[in-house]
């Protein structure tokens, strides 16, 4: 459920959950992401969106206490990515300054990561030219770092371009969609972006959890987004399908995992905020 305001969807989903009419309900809050893109991650618009979220979570917290659900409800809050500031006119990598675009069959995306498919017999020429471009790395299929978990995909392009943080890859500046106005020159279309190398600190999200299944006052080392799936399955008493998450990175967060993924006869509900997603589950 997409919403610019969280209060109404939270209250509506609470009614369904606490009345027993729903096993799972979800609310996605995109305002922080939208404002971060438009105005930058350090903008007052982002701070206002975070305050709005905080008020909504206070409402949820009161509801949990009023209905005596503190010992029966697991709460997980997490974002799906971070955000960094970009400077459009200062940090744009214009591909047509380095290669002939006529040598390219297909260009997919613009921004931190761009995929290129080259015409026959032009691969080496294009690769050599792009390898000299500053503030950007170019990878052939088999050169893509293993930690990206990407290079063996059947749809991977001939060349994958990855910009350094803050830089933006495009065919040229003229094709960027700027905000236009009557009182001055066009201004930036976006001032914040994500999708850069996930080793860059600004790309990190956050993860918080509380409830009967979780230990208290524990600060964890960084986990990966794919690890959260196993935690979700555990709190819901659902057997996970094969996945790329690591149980060893999250197991210690739980009060007990001795009977790992064995369905137990207890009643619990689950709340999750995923970039920002709210979910409940009764089992």
C-alpha atoms as a PDB file:
ATOM      1  CA  UNK A   1       0.000   0.000   0.000  1.00  0.00           C
ATOM      2  CA  UNK A   2       1.506   3.341  -1.045  1.00  0.00           C
ATOM      3  CA  UNK A   3       0.642   6.373   1.015  1.00  0.00           C
ATOM      4  CA  UNK A   4       1.922   9.896   1.567  1.00  0.00           C
ATOM      5  CA  UNK A   5       0.544   9.677   5.098  1.00  0.00           C
ATOM      6  CA  UNK A   6       1.115   6.662   7.316  1.00  0.00           C
ATOM      7  CA  UNK A   7      -1.447   7.364  10.009  1.00  0.00           C
ATOM      8  CA  UNK A   8      -4.546   6.292   8.098  1.00  0.00           C
ATOM      9  CA  UNK A   9      -3.132   3.039   6.662  1.00  0.00           C
ATOM     10  CA  UNK A  10      -1.622   2.091  10.039  1.00  0.00           C
ATOM     11  CA  UNK A  11      -4.943   2.579  11.806  1.00  0.00           C
ATOM     12  CA  UNK A  12      -6.876   0.745   9.109  1.00  0.00           C
ATOM     13  CA  UNK A  13      -4.485  -2.201   9.045  1.00  0.00           C
ATOM     14  CA  UNK A  14      -4.491  -2.290  12.830  1.00  0.00           C
ATOM     15  CA  UNK A  15      -8.249  -2.733  12.788  1.00  0.00           C
ATOM     16  CA  UNK A  16      -7.966  -5.703  10.452  1.00  0.00           C
ATOM     17  CA  UNK A  17      -5.119  -7.295  12.370  1.00  0.00           C
ATOM     18  CA  UNK A  18      -6.396  -6.819  15.889  1.00  0.00           C
ATOM     19  CA  UNK A  19      -9.876  -7.981  14.902  1.00  0.00           C
ATOM     20  CA  UNK A  20      -8.443 -11.188  13.463  1.00  0.00           C
ATOM     21  CA  UNK A  21      -9.672 -10.477   9.933  1.00  0.00           C
ATOM     22  CA  UNK A  22      -6.210 -10.453   8.363  1.00  0.00           C
ATOM     23  CA  UNK A  23      -3.114 -12.634   8.699  1.00  0.00           C
ATOM     24  CA  UNK A  24      -0.850 -10.055   7.100  1.00  0.00           C
ATOM     25  CA  UNK A  25      -1.115  -6.374   6.275  1.00  0.00           C
ATOM     26  CA  UNK A  26       1.494  -4.095   4.675  1.00  0.00           C
ATOM     27  CA  UNK A  27       2.099  -0.352   4.316  1.00  0.00           C
ATOM     28  CA  UNK A  28       4.915   1.120   2.206  1.00  0.00           C
ATOM     29  CA  UNK A  29       5.978   4.720   2.915  1.00  0.00           C
ATOM     30  CA  UNK A  30       7.918   6.244   0.014  1.00  0.00           C
ATOM     31  CA  UNK A  31       7.989   9.904   1.056  1.00  0.00           C
ATOM     32  CA  UNK A  32      11.545   9.839   2.416  1.00  0.00           C
ATOM     33  CA  UNK A  33      12.841   8.258  -0.797  1.00  0.00           C
ATOM     34  CA  UNK A  34      10.956  10.735  -3.002  1.00  0.00           C
ATOM     35  CA  UNK A  35      12.141  13.784  -1.064  1.00  0.00           C
ATOM     36  CA  UNK A  36      15.689  12.414  -0.935  1.00  0.00           C
ATOM     37  CA  UNK A  37      15.773  12.097  -4.716  1.00  0.00           C
ATOM     38  CA  UNK A  38      14.260  15.506  -5.378  1.00  0.00           C
ATOM     39  CA  UNK A  39      16.004  17.627  -2.744  1.00  0.00           C
ATOM     40  CA  UNK A  40      18.948  15.559  -1.468  1.00  0.00           C
ATOM     41  CA  UNK A  41      19.396  13.402   1.635  1.00  0.00           C
ATOM     42  CA  UNK A  42      20.409  16.345   3.859  1.00  0.00           C
ATOM     43  CA  UNK A  43      17.433  18.543   2.889  1.00  0.00           C
ATOM     44  CA  UNK A  44      14.815  19.906   5.258  1.00  0.00           C
ATOM     45  CA  UNK A  45      12.209  18.088   3.139  1.00  0.00           C
ATOM     46  CA  UNK A  46      13.774  14.753   4.110  1.00  0.00           C
ATOM     47  CA  UNK A  47      13.887  15.763   7.767  1.00  0.00           C
ATOM     48  CA  UNK A  48      10.199  16.677   7.601  1.00  0.00           C
ATOM     49  CA  UNK A  49       9.371  13.281   6.080  1.00  0.00           C
ATOM     50  CA  UNK A  50      11.318  11.499   8.831  1.00  0.00           C
ATOM     51  CA  UNK A  51       9.414  13.472  11.476  1.00  0.00           C
ATOM     52  CA  UNK A  52       6.169  12.406   9.807  1.00  0.00           C
ATOM     53  CA  UNK A  53       7.279   8.792   9.981  1.00  0.00           C
ATOM     54  CA  UNK A  54       8.261   9.164  13.623  1.00  0.00           C
ATOM     55  CA  UNK A  55       4.793  10.446  14.513  1.00  0.00           C
ATOM     56  CA  UNK A  56       3.210   7.511  12.700  1.00  0.00           C
ATOM     57  CA  UNK A  57       5.383   5.039  14.617  1.00  0.00           C
ATOM     58  CA  UNK A  58       4.411   6.717  17.876  1.00  0.00           C
ATOM     59  CA  UNK A  59       0.812   6.048  16.917  1.00  0.00           C
ATOM     60  CA  UNK A  60       1.630   2.412  16.260  1.00  0.00           C
ATOM     61  CA  UNK A  61       3.501   2.096  19.549  1.00  0.00           C
ATOM     62  CA  UNK A  62       0.541   3.452  21.502  1.00  0.00           C
ATOM     63  CA  UNK A  63      -1.765   1.038  19.706  1.00  0.00           C
ATOM     64  CA  UNK A  64       0.479  -1.910  20.577  1.00  0.00           C
ATOM     65  CA  UNK A  65       0.511  -0.929  24.257  1.00  0.00           C
ATOM     66  CA  UNK A  66      -3.222  -0.167  24.399  1.00  0.00           C
ATOM     67  CA  UNK A  67      -4.037  -3.631  23.036  1.00  0.00           C
ATOM     68  CA  UNK A  68      -1.476  -5.459  25.226  1.00  0.00           C
ATOM     69  CA  UNK A  69       0.393  -6.817  22.207  1.00  0.00           C
ATOM     70  CA  UNK A  70       3.925  -6.076  23.433  1.00  0.00           C
ATOM     71  CA  UNK A  71       4.640  -9.728  24.270  1.00  0.00           C
ATOM     72  CA  UNK A  72       2.941 -11.122  21.176  1.00  0.00           C
ATOM     73  CA  UNK A  73       4.157  -8.798  18.447  1.00  0.00           C
ATOM     74  CA  UNK A  74       7.557  -8.800  16.750  1.00  0.00           C
ATOM     75  CA  UNK A  75       8.499  -5.475  15.180  1.00  0.00           C
ATOM     76  CA  UNK A  76      11.086  -5.168  12.407  1.00  0.00           C
ATOM     77  CA  UNK A  77      11.921  -1.831  10.800  1.00  0.00           C
ATOM     78  CA  UNK A  78      14.308  -1.553   7.895  1.00  0.00           C
ATOM     79  CA  UNK A  79      15.057   0.437   4.756  1.00  0.00           C
ATOM     80  CA  UNK A  80      15.891  -1.050   1.384  1.00  0.00           C
ATOM     81  CA  UNK A  81      18.779   1.320   0.532  1.00  0.00           C
ATOM     82  CA  UNK A  82      20.571   4.530   1.447  1.00  0.00           C
ATOM     83  CA  UNK A  83      20.975   7.793  -0.450  1.00  0.00           C
ATOM     84  CA  UNK A  84      23.793  10.151  -1.406  1.00  0.00           C
ATOM     85  CA  UNK A  85      23.869  13.682  -2.747  1.00  0.00           C
ATOM     86  CA  UNK A  86      24.599  14.241  -6.432  1.00  0.00           C
ATOM     87  CA  UNK A  87      25.625  17.419  -8.263  1.00  0.00           C
ATOM     88  CA  UNK A  88      24.184  17.286 -11.737  1.00  0.00           C
ATOM     89  CA  UNK A  89      26.063  19.754 -13.853  1.00  0.00           C
ATOM     90  CA  UNK A  90      29.371  19.168 -12.049  1.00  0.00           C
ATOM     91  CA  UNK A  91      29.487  15.352 -11.928  1.00  0.00           C
ATOM     92  CA  UNK A  92      27.975  13.957 -15.123  1.00  0.00           C
ATOM     93  CA  UNK A  93      29.856  11.370 -17.174  1.00  0.00           C
ATOM     94  CA  UNK A  94      28.786  11.941 -20.792  1.00  0.00           C
ATOM     95  CA  UNK A  95      29.370   8.745 -22.741  1.00  0.00           C
ATOM     96  CA  UNK A  96      29.146  10.336 -26.180  1.00  0.00           C
ATOM     97  CA  UNK A  97      32.327  12.280 -25.404  1.00  0.00           C
ATOM     98  CA  UNK A  98      34.264   9.015 -25.270  1.00  0.00           C
ATOM     99  CA  UNK A  99      32.551   6.592 -27.675  1.00  0.00           C
ATOM    100  CA  UNK A 100      30.432   6.649 -30.812  1.00  0.00           C
ATOM    101  CA  UNK A 101      26.910   5.836 -29.687  1.00  0.00           C
ATOM    102  CA  UNK A 102      26.358   4.264 -33.116  1.00  0.00           C
ATOM    103  CA  UNK A 103      28.552   1.403 -31.855  1.00  0.00           C
ATOM    104  CA  UNK A 104      25.980   0.668 -29.168  1.00  0.00           C
ATOM    105  CA  UNK A 105      22.989  -1.568 -29.869  1.00  0.00           C
ATOM    106  CA  UNK A 106      21.300  -0.881 -26.557  1.00  0.00           C
ATOM    107  CA  UNK A 107      21.893   1.344 -23.542  1.00  0.00           C
ATOM    108  CA  UNK A 108      19.907   0.559 -20.422  1.00  0.00           C
ATOM    109  CA  UNK A 109      19.486   3.002 -17.526  1.00  0.00           C
ATOM    110  CA  UNK A 110      21.347   6.139 -16.529  1.00  0.00           C
ATOM    111  CA  UNK A 111      22.875   6.976 -13.192  1.00  0.00           C
ATOM    112  CA  UNK A 112      25.251   4.949 -11.009  1.00  0.00           C
ATOM    113  CA  UNK A 113      25.034   1.777 -13.131  1.00  0.00           C
ATOM    114  CA  UNK A 114      24.562   1.610 -16.898  1.00  0.00           C
ATOM    115  CA  UNK A 115      24.378  -1.477 -19.132  1.00  0.00           C
ATOM    116  CA  UNK A 116      25.680  -1.410 -22.715  1.00  0.00           C
ATOM    117  CA  UNK A 117      25.304  -3.923 -25.527  1.00  0.00           C
ATOM    118  CA  UNK A 118      27.819  -3.330 -28.337  1.00  0.00           C
ATOM    119  CA  UNK A 119      27.492  -3.983 -32.050  1.00  0.00           C
ATOM    120  CA  UNK A 120      29.442  -6.833 -33.621  1.00  0.00           C
ATOM    121  CA  UNK A 121      33.192  -6.250 -33.721  1.00  0.00           C
ATOM    122  CA  UNK A 122      33.008  -3.022 -31.682  1.00  0.00           C
ATOM    123  CA  UNK A 123      33.349  -4.515 -28.189  1.00  0.00           C
ATOM    124  CA  UNK A 124      37.098  -4.110 -27.819  1.00  0.00           C
ATOM    125  CA  UNK A 125      37.074  -0.570 -29.209  1.00  0.00           C
ATOM    126  CA  UNK A 126      34.271   0.536 -26.874  1.00  0.00           C
ATOM    127  CA  UNK A 127      35.785  -1.261 -23.881  1.00  0.00           C
ATOM    128  CA  UNK A 128      39.198   0.320 -24.459  1.00  0.00           C
ATOM    129  CA  UNK A 129      37.714   3.811 -24.756  1.00  0.00           C
ATOM    130  CA  UNK A 130      35.515   3.551 -21.683  1.00  0.00           C
ATOM    131  CA  UNK A 131      38.337   2.076 -19.609  1.00  0.00           C
ATOM    132  CA  UNK A 132      40.027   5.484 -19.820  1.00  0.00           C
ATOM    133  CA  UNK A 133      37.028   7.405 -18.469  1.00  0.00           C
ATOM    134  CA  UNK A 134      37.692   8.901 -15.013  1.00  0.00           C
ATOM    135  CA  UNK A 135      35.304   8.426 -12.065  1.00  0.00           C
ATOM    136  CA  UNK A 136      33.840   5.256 -13.557  1.00  0.00           C
ATOM    137  CA  UNK A 137      34.687   1.555 -13.810  1.00  0.00           C
ATOM    138  CA  UNK A 138      33.820  -0.603 -16.803  1.00  0.00           C
ATOM    139  CA  UNK A 139      33.370  -4.359 -16.508  1.00  0.00           C
ATOM    140  CA  UNK A 140      33.066  -7.080 -19.097  1.00  0.00           C
ATOM    141  CA  UNK A 141      30.693  -9.886 -18.095  1.00  0.00           C
ATOM    142  CA  UNK A 142      33.344 -12.051 -16.461  1.00  0.00           C
ATOM    143  CA  UNK A 143      35.113  -9.074 -14.850  1.00  0.00           C
ATOM    144  CA  UNK A 144      32.155  -8.053 -12.674  1.00  0.00           C
ATOM    145  CA  UNK A 145      33.148  -8.508  -9.001  1.00  0.00           C
ATOM    146  CA  UNK A 146      31.784 -11.687  -7.416  1.00  0.00           C
ATOM    147  CA  UNK A 147      30.432  -9.714  -4.468  1.00  0.00           C
ATOM    148  CA  UNK A 148      27.882  -8.092  -6.815  1.00  0.00           C
ATOM    149  CA  UNK A 149      26.245 -11.524  -7.333  1.00  0.00           C
ATOM    150  CA  UNK A 150      25.445 -10.411 -10.855  1.00  0.00           C
ATOM    151  CA  UNK A 151      27.848 -11.556 -13.538  1.00  0.00           C
ATOM    152  CA  UNK A 152      26.346 -14.989 -14.203  1.00  0.00           C
ATOM    153  CA  UNK A 153      22.860 -13.696 -15.008  1.00  0.00           C
ATOM    154  CA  UNK A 154      21.638 -14.540 -18.472  1.00  0.00           C
ATOM    155  CA  UNK A 155      20.488 -10.978 -19.126  1.00  0.00           C
ATOM    156  CA  UNK A 156      23.778  -9.310 -18.145  1.00  0.00           C
ATOM    157  CA  UNK A 157      24.966  -6.832 -20.795  1.00  0.00           C
ATOM    158  CA  UNK A 158      28.266  -6.930 -22.683  1.00  0.00           C
ATOM    159  CA  UNK A 159      29.564  -4.023 -20.590  1.00  0.00           C
ATOM    160  CA  UNK A 160      28.514  -2.796 -17.149  1.00  0.00           C
ATOM    161  CA  UNK A 161      29.496   0.749 -16.141  1.00  0.00           C
ATOM    162  CA  UNK A 162      29.666   1.658 -12.444  1.00  0.00           C
ATOM    163  CA  UNK A 163      30.132   5.287 -11.415  1.00  0.00           C
ATOM    164  CA  UNK A 164      32.014   6.464  -8.369  1.00  0.00           C
ATOM    165  CA  UNK A 165      29.758   7.840  -5.599  1.00  0.00           C
ATOM    166  CA  UNK A 166      28.162  11.137  -6.524  1.00  0.00           C
ATOM    167  CA  UNK A 167      28.789  10.760 -10.264  1.00  0.00           C
ATOM    168  CA  UNK A 168      26.004  10.187 -12.788  1.00  0.00           C
ATOM    169  CA  UNK A 169      26.395   8.349 -16.102  1.00  0.00           C
ATOM    170  CA  UNK A 170      24.314   9.482 -19.094  1.00  0.00           C
ATOM    171  CA  UNK A 171      24.622   9.657 -22.863  1.00  0.00           C
ATOM    172  CA  UNK A 172      24.935  13.432 -22.507  1.00  0.00           C
ATOM    173  CA  UNK A 173      23.690  16.278 -20.335  1.00  0.00           C
ATOM    174  CA  UNK A 174      21.158  17.418 -22.918  1.00  0.00           C
ATOM    175  CA  UNK A 175      19.147  14.221 -22.434  1.00  0.00           C
ATOM    176  CA  UNK A 176      18.782  14.682 -18.680  1.00  0.00           C
ATOM    177  CA  UNK A 177      15.252  15.759 -17.632  1.00  0.00           C
ATOM    178  CA  UNK A 178      15.800  19.002 -15.737  1.00  0.00           C
ATOM    179  CA  UNK A 179      13.163  20.933 -13.842  1.00  0.00           C
ATOM    180  CA  UNK A 180      12.247  23.901 -16.038  1.00  0.00           C
ATOM    181  CA  UNK A 181      11.038  27.274 -14.805  1.00  0.00           C
ATOM    182  CA  UNK A 182      10.347  30.714 -16.221  1.00  0.00           C
ATOM    183  CA  UNK A 183      12.548  32.714 -13.848  1.00  0.00           C
ATOM    184  CA  UNK A 184      15.924  31.123 -14.507  1.00  0.00           C
ATOM    185  CA  UNK A 185      17.888  28.302 -16.108  1.00  0.00           C
ATOM    186  CA  UNK A 186      16.718  24.695 -15.716  1.00  0.00           C
ATOM    187  CA  UNK A 187      17.583  23.249 -12.322  1.00  0.00           C
ATOM    188  CA  UNK A 188      18.453  19.689 -11.336  1.00  0.00           C
ATOM    189  CA  UNK A 189      15.872  16.975 -11.802  1.00  0.00           C
ATOM    190  CA  UNK A 190      17.252  15.055  -8.833  1.00  0.00           C
ATOM    191  CA  UNK A 191      19.644  15.930  -6.014  1.00  0.00           C
ATOM    192  CA  UNK A 192      19.972  12.516  -4.377  1.00  0.00           C
ATOM    193  CA  UNK A 193      20.510   9.011  -5.725  1.00  0.00           C
ATOM    194  CA  UNK A 194      21.186   5.417  -4.720  1.00  0.00           C
ATOM    195  CA  UNK A 195      22.395   2.327  -6.537  1.00  0.00           C
ATOM    196  CA  UNK A 196      26.134   2.900  -6.149  1.00  0.00           C
ATOM    197  CA  UNK A 197      28.555   0.209  -4.975  1.00  0.00           C
ATOM    198  CA  UNK A 198      27.106  -1.129  -1.737  1.00  0.00           C
ATOM    199  CA  UNK A 199      30.476  -0.821   0.007  1.00  0.00           C
ATOM    200  CA  UNK A 200      29.899   2.938  -0.048  1.00  0.00           C
ATOM    201  CA  UNK A 201      28.655   3.890   3.437  1.00  0.00           C
ATOM    202  CA  UNK A 202      25.906   6.200   2.132  1.00  0.00           C
ATOM    203  CA  UNK A 203      24.265   3.197   0.453  1.00  0.00           C
ATOM    204  CA  UNK A 204      23.659   1.435   3.747  1.00  0.00           C
ATOM    205  CA  UNK A 205      20.157   1.155   5.137  1.00  0.00           C
ATOM    206  CA  UNK A 206      19.129   0.424   8.709  1.00  0.00           C
ATOM    207  CA  UNK A 207      17.610  -2.499  10.575  1.00  0.00           C
ATOM    208  CA  UNK A 208      15.829  -2.386  13.939  1.00  0.00           C
ATOM    209  CA  UNK A 209      13.859  -5.135  15.658  1.00  0.00           C
ATOM    210  CA  UNK A 210      11.972  -5.654  18.914  1.00  0.00           C
ATOM    211  CA  UNK A 211       9.526  -8.169  20.307  1.00  0.00           C
ATOM    212  CA  UNK A 212       9.320 -11.498  22.124  1.00  0.00           C
ATOM    213  CA  UNK A 213      11.581 -13.277  19.618  1.00  0.00           C
ATOM    214  CA  UNK A 214      14.387 -10.693  19.745  1.00  0.00           C
ATOM    215  CA  UNK A 215      17.084  -9.980  22.311  1.00  0.00           C
ATOM    216  CA  UNK A 216      17.152  -6.522  23.867  1.00  0.00           C
ATOM    217  CA  UNK A 217      19.932  -3.922  23.705  1.00  0.00           C
ATOM    218  CA  UNK A 218      21.958  -5.788  21.091  1.00  0.00           C
ATOM    219  CA  UNK A 219      23.958  -3.942  18.442  1.00  0.00           C
ATOM    220  CA  UNK A 220      24.867  -6.083  15.465  1.00  0.00           C
ATOM    221  CA  UNK A 221      27.623  -5.960  12.901  1.00  0.00           C
ATOM    222  CA  UNK A 222      26.370  -5.034   9.408  1.00  0.00           C
ATOM    223  CA  UNK A 223      24.012  -7.544   7.826  1.00  0.00           C
ATOM    224  CA  UNK A 224      22.839  -7.782   4.224  1.00  0.00           C
ATOM    225  CA  UNK A 225      19.353  -7.119   2.922  1.00  0.00           C
ATOM    226  CA  UNK A 226      18.996 -10.759   1.850  1.00  0.00           C
ATOM    227  CA  UNK A 227      19.552 -11.869   5.457  1.00  0.00           C
ATOM    228  CA  UNK A 228      16.283 -10.329   6.606  1.00  0.00           C
ATOM    229  CA  UNK A 229      14.201 -12.932   4.772  1.00  0.00           C
ATOM    230  CA  UNK A 230      15.355 -15.664   7.168  1.00  0.00           C
ATOM    231  CA  UNK A 231      14.479 -13.493  10.176  1.00  0.00           C
ATOM    232  CA  UNK A 232      11.039 -12.821   8.733  1.00  0.00           C
ATOM    233  CA  UNK A 233      10.451 -16.538   8.220  1.00  0.00           C
ATOM    234  CA  UNK A 234      11.620 -17.337  11.726  1.00  0.00           C
ATOM    235  CA  UNK A 235       9.346 -14.807  13.434  1.00  0.00           C
ATOM    236  CA  UNK A 236       6.408 -16.038  11.324  1.00  0.00           C
ATOM    237  CA  UNK A 237       7.194 -19.732  11.881  1.00  0.00           C
ATOM    238  CA  UNK A 238       7.460 -20.222   8.124  1.00  0.00           C
ATOM    239  CA  UNK A 239      10.007 -22.575   6.549  1.00  0.00           C
ATOM    240  CA  UNK A 240      12.198 -20.454   4.206  1.00  0.00           C
ATOM    241  CA  UNK A 241      12.772 -21.342   0.599  1.00  0.00           C
ATOM    242  CA  UNK A 242      16.373 -21.615  -0.638  1.00  0.00           C
ATOM    243  CA  UNK A 243      17.885 -18.114  -0.577  1.00  0.00           C
ATOM    244  CA  UNK A 244      21.150 -16.165  -0.560  1.00  0.00           C
ATOM    245  CA  UNK A 245      20.804 -14.911   3.004  1.00  0.00           C
ATOM    246  CA  UNK A 246      23.176 -15.956   5.765  1.00  0.00           C
ATOM    247  CA  UNK A 247      21.590 -17.338   8.931  1.00  0.00           C
ATOM    248  CA  UNK A 248      24.890 -16.970  10.806  1.00  0.00           C
ATOM    249  CA  UNK A 249      24.743 -13.161  10.480  1.00  0.00           C
ATOM    250  CA  UNK A 250      21.343 -12.839  12.162  1.00  0.00           C
ATOM    251  CA  UNK A 251      20.841 -15.918  14.372  1.00  0.00           C
ATOM    252  CA  UNK A 252      22.336 -14.279  17.459  1.00  0.00           C
ATOM    253  CA  UNK A 253      19.707 -11.509  17.319  1.00  0.00           C
ATOM    254  CA  UNK A 254      17.037 -13.977  18.443  1.00  0.00           C
ATOM    255  CA  UNK A 255      16.274 -15.096  21.969  1.00  0.00           C
ATOM    256  CA  UNK A 256      16.304 -18.719  20.832  1.00  0.00           C
ATOM    257  CA  UNK A 257      16.883 -20.445  17.533  1.00  0.00           C
ATOM    258  CA  UNK A 258      17.387 -23.993  18.804  1.00  0.00           C
ATOM    259  CA  UNK A 259      14.281 -25.248  17.020  1.00  0.00           C
ATOM    260  CA  UNK A 260      15.219 -23.436  13.830  1.00  0.00           C
ATOM    261  CA  UNK A 261      12.265 -23.053  11.458  1.00  0.00           C
ATOM    262  CA  UNK A 262      10.196 -25.716  13.220  1.00  0.00           C
ATOM    263  CA  UNK A 263       6.539 -24.676  13.374  1.00  0.00           C
ATOM    264  CA  UNK A 264       5.480 -24.150  16.964  1.00  0.00           C
ATOM    265  CA  UNK A 265       2.041 -23.798  18.473  1.00  0.00           C
ATOM    266  CA  UNK A 266       2.250 -20.236  19.636  1.00  0.00           C
ATOM    267  CA  UNK A 267       0.531 -17.072  18.554  1.00  0.00           C
ATOM    268  CA  UNK A 268       2.601 -14.180  17.264  1.00  0.00           C
ATOM    269  CA  UNK A 269       2.166 -11.215  14.990  1.00  0.00           C
ATOM    270  CA  UNK A 270       4.688  -9.488  12.876  1.00  0.00           C
ATOM    271  CA  UNK A 271       5.216  -5.859  11.937  1.00  0.00           C
ATOM    272  CA  UNK A 272       7.794  -4.822   9.384  1.00  0.00           C
ATOM    273  CA  UNK A 273       8.777  -1.492   7.879  1.00  0.00           C
ATOM    274  CA  UNK A 274      10.504  -2.113   4.553  1.00  0.00           C
ATOM    275  CA  UNK A 275      11.789   1.017   2.933  1.00  0.00           C
ATOM    276  CA  UNK A 276       9.153   1.607   4.417  1.00  0.00           C
ATOM    277  CA  UNK A 277       6.914  -1.475   4.659  1.00  0.00           C
ATOM    278  CA  UNK A 278       4.544  -2.386   7.453  1.00  0.00           C
ATOM    279  CA  UNK A 279       3.503  -6.034   7.768  1.00  0.00           C
ATOM    280  CA  UNK A 280       1.612  -8.062  10.306  1.00  0.00           C
ATOM    281  CA  UNK A 281       1.269 -11.781  10.535  1.00  0.00           C
ATOM    282  CA  UNK A 282      -0.780 -14.033  12.788  1.00  0.00           C
ATOM    283  CA  UNK A 283       0.163 -17.711  12.920  1.00  0.00           C
END
